[in-house]
Amino acid sequence: MAKQGMRRPDPKEPHGTEGDHRMSIPKNEVPPVPEIQGKAKTKKVKAKKH
């Protein structure tokens, strides 16, 4: 009998060994946010709130 931590997986159940199965995640349609340029990128001061 197998130990609790060494449970044998069911061969009929998918368990991460099948490489041809892909996840169906929808593509992100929102464009990326532009990156901060220059000194503002390297300073430790937080941005001012309006």
N, C-alpha and C. Protein backbone atom coordinates (compact mmCIF):
# COMPACT_ATOMS: atom_id res chain seq x y z
N MET A 1 0.84 -1.19 0.00
CA MET A 1 0.00 0.00 0.00
C MET A 1 0.88 1.24 0.00
N ALA A 2 0.55 2.22 -0.84
CA ALA A 2 1.35 3.43 -0.97
C ALA A 2 1.10 4.37 0.21
N LYS A 3 2.15 5.13 0.56
CA LYS A 3 2.02 6.13 1.63
C LYS A 3 1.14 7.28 1.15
N GLN A 4 0.66 8.09 2.10
CA GLN A 4 -0.24 9.18 1.75
C GLN A 4 0.45 10.20 0.84
N GLY A 5 1.72 10.53 1.11
CA GLY A 5 2.45 11.49 0.30
C GLY A 5 2.89 10.94 -1.04
N MET A 6 2.86 9.64 -1.20
CA MET A 6 3.31 8.99 -2.43
C MET A 6 2.13 8.38 -3.19
N ARG A 7 1.00 9.09 -3.21
CA ARG A 7 -0.21 8.57 -3.85
C ARG A 7 0.03 8.36 -5.33
N ARG A 8 -0.39 7.24 -5.83
CA ARG A 8 -0.22 6.93 -7.24
C ARG A 8 -1.35 7.59 -8.04
N PRO A 9 -1.02 8.41 -9.04
CA PRO A 9 -2.08 9.06 -9.82
C PRO A 9 -2.80 8.07 -10.72
N ASP A 10 -4.06 8.37 -10.97
CA ASP A 10 -4.87 7.55 -11.87
C ASP A 10 -4.36 7.76 -13.29
N PRO A 11 -4.03 6.71 -14.04
CA PRO A 11 -3.52 6.90 -15.41
C PRO A 11 -4.54 7.53 -16.37
N LYS A 12 -5.83 7.42 -16.05
CA LYS A 12 -6.86 8.01 -16.92
C LYS A 12 -7.05 9.50 -16.65
N GLU A 13 -6.57 9.99 -15.50
CA GLU A 13 -6.73 11.40 -15.14
C GLU A 13 -5.53 12.20 -15.65
N PRO A 14 -5.76 13.37 -16.32
CA PRO A 14 -4.62 14.18 -16.79
C PRO A 14 -3.85 14.76 -15.59
N HIS A 15 -2.53 14.62 -15.60
CA HIS A 15 -1.74 15.06 -14.45
C HIS A 15 -0.44 15.75 -14.84
N GLY A 16 -0.43 16.48 -15.94
CA GLY A 16 0.73 17.30 -16.28
C GLY A 16 1.75 16.64 -17.18
N THR A 17 1.53 15.41 -17.59
CA THR A 17 2.51 14.76 -18.46
C THR A 17 2.17 14.91 -19.94
N GLU A 18 0.96 15.33 -20.23
CA GLU A 18 0.55 15.49 -21.63
C GLU A 18 1.00 16.86 -22.14
N GLY A 19 1.92 16.90 -23.07
CA GLY A 19 2.46 18.15 -23.57
C GLY A 19 1.64 18.79 -24.67
N ASP A 20 0.72 18.05 -25.29
CA ASP A 20 -0.04 18.60 -26.40
C ASP A 20 -1.33 19.28 -25.96
N HIS A 21 -1.65 19.26 -24.67
CA HIS A 21 -2.86 19.93 -24.17
C HIS A 21 -2.51 21.36 -23.82
N ARG A 22 -3.20 22.32 -24.42
CA ARG A 22 -2.93 23.74 -24.18
C ARG A 22 -4.08 24.35 -23.38
N MET A 23 -3.76 25.35 -22.57
CA MET A 23 -4.79 26.05 -21.83
C MET A 23 -5.49 27.04 -22.75
N SER A 24 -6.79 27.19 -22.59
CA SER A 24 -7.55 28.11 -23.45
C SER A 24 -7.74 29.44 -22.71
N ILE A 25 -6.74 30.30 -22.77
CA ILE A 25 -6.81 31.62 -22.16
C ILE A 25 -7.06 32.64 -23.27
N PRO A 26 -8.08 33.50 -23.12
CA PRO A 26 -8.33 34.50 -24.17
C PRO A 26 -7.20 35.52 -24.25
N LYS A 27 -6.92 36.01 -25.45
CA LYS A 27 -5.84 36.97 -25.66
C LYS A 27 -6.22 38.33 -25.08
N ASN A 28 -5.25 39.02 -24.47
CA ASN A 28 -5.49 40.33 -23.90
C ASN A 28 -5.59 41.36 -25.02
N GLU A 29 -6.74 42.02 -25.13
CA GLU A 29 -6.99 42.98 -26.21
C GLU A 29 -6.58 44.41 -25.83
N VAL A 30 -6.27 44.67 -24.56
CA VAL A 30 -5.91 46.01 -24.10
C VAL A 30 -4.46 46.29 -24.46
N PRO A 31 -4.15 47.46 -25.07
CA PRO A 31 -2.76 47.77 -25.41
C PRO A 31 -1.92 48.00 -24.15
N PRO A 32 -0.62 47.71 -24.18
CA PRO A 32 0.22 47.89 -23.00
C PRO A 32 0.37 49.36 -22.61
N VAL A 33 0.61 49.61 -21.33
CA VAL A 33 0.80 50.97 -20.82
C VAL A 33 2.20 51.43 -21.19
N PRO A 34 2.38 52.68 -21.67
CA PRO A 34 3.73 53.15 -22.02
C PRO A 34 4.64 53.22 -20.79
N GLU A 35 5.90 52.91 -21.01
CA GLU A 35 6.87 52.89 -19.91
C GLU A 35 7.33 54.30 -19.55
N ILE A 36 7.60 54.52 -18.26
CA ILE A 36 8.08 55.83 -17.79
C ILE A 36 9.49 56.06 -18.34
N GLN A 37 9.77 57.29 -18.80
CA GLN A 37 11.05 57.61 -19.41
C GLN A 37 11.89 58.51 -18.51
N GLY A 38 13.21 58.45 -18.66
CA GLY A 38 14.13 59.41 -18.04
C GLY A 38 14.31 59.28 -16.54
N LYS A 39 14.49 60.44 -15.88
CA LYS A 39 14.79 60.48 -14.45
C LYS A 39 13.64 59.95 -13.60
N ALA A 40 12.43 60.11 -14.06
CA ALA A 40 11.27 59.65 -13.30
C ALA A 40 11.29 58.14 -13.09
N LYS A 41 11.97 57.44 -13.98
CA LYS A 41 12.04 55.99 -13.89
C LYS A 41 12.99 55.54 -12.78
N THR A 42 14.05 56.32 -12.50
CA THR A 42 15.08 55.90 -11.56
C THR A 42 14.98 56.55 -10.18
N LYS A 43 14.15 57.59 -10.03
CA LYS A 43 14.03 58.27 -8.73
C LYS A 43 13.27 57.43 -7.73
N LYS A 44 13.54 57.70 -6.43
CA LYS A 44 12.83 57.01 -5.36
C LYS A 44 11.60 57.77 -4.89
N VAL A 45 11.39 58.99 -5.40
CA VAL A 45 10.25 59.82 -5.01
C VAL A 45 9.00 59.31 -5.71
N LYS A 46 7.90 59.18 -4.96
CA LYS A 46 6.64 58.73 -5.55
C LYS A 46 6.04 59.82 -6.43
N ALA A 47 5.22 59.42 -7.37
CA ALA A 47 4.55 60.37 -8.26
C ALA A 47 3.52 61.17 -7.48
N LYS A 48 3.33 62.43 -7.89
CA LYS A 48 2.38 63.31 -7.20
C LYS A 48 0.95 62.95 -7.61
N LYS A 49 0.04 63.01 -6.62
CA LYS A 49 -1.38 62.79 -6.90
C LYS A 49 -2.03 64.12 -7.26
N HIS A 50 -2.98 64.10 -8.17
CA HIS A 50 -3.67 65.32 -8.59
C HIS A 50 -4.79 65.64 -7.66
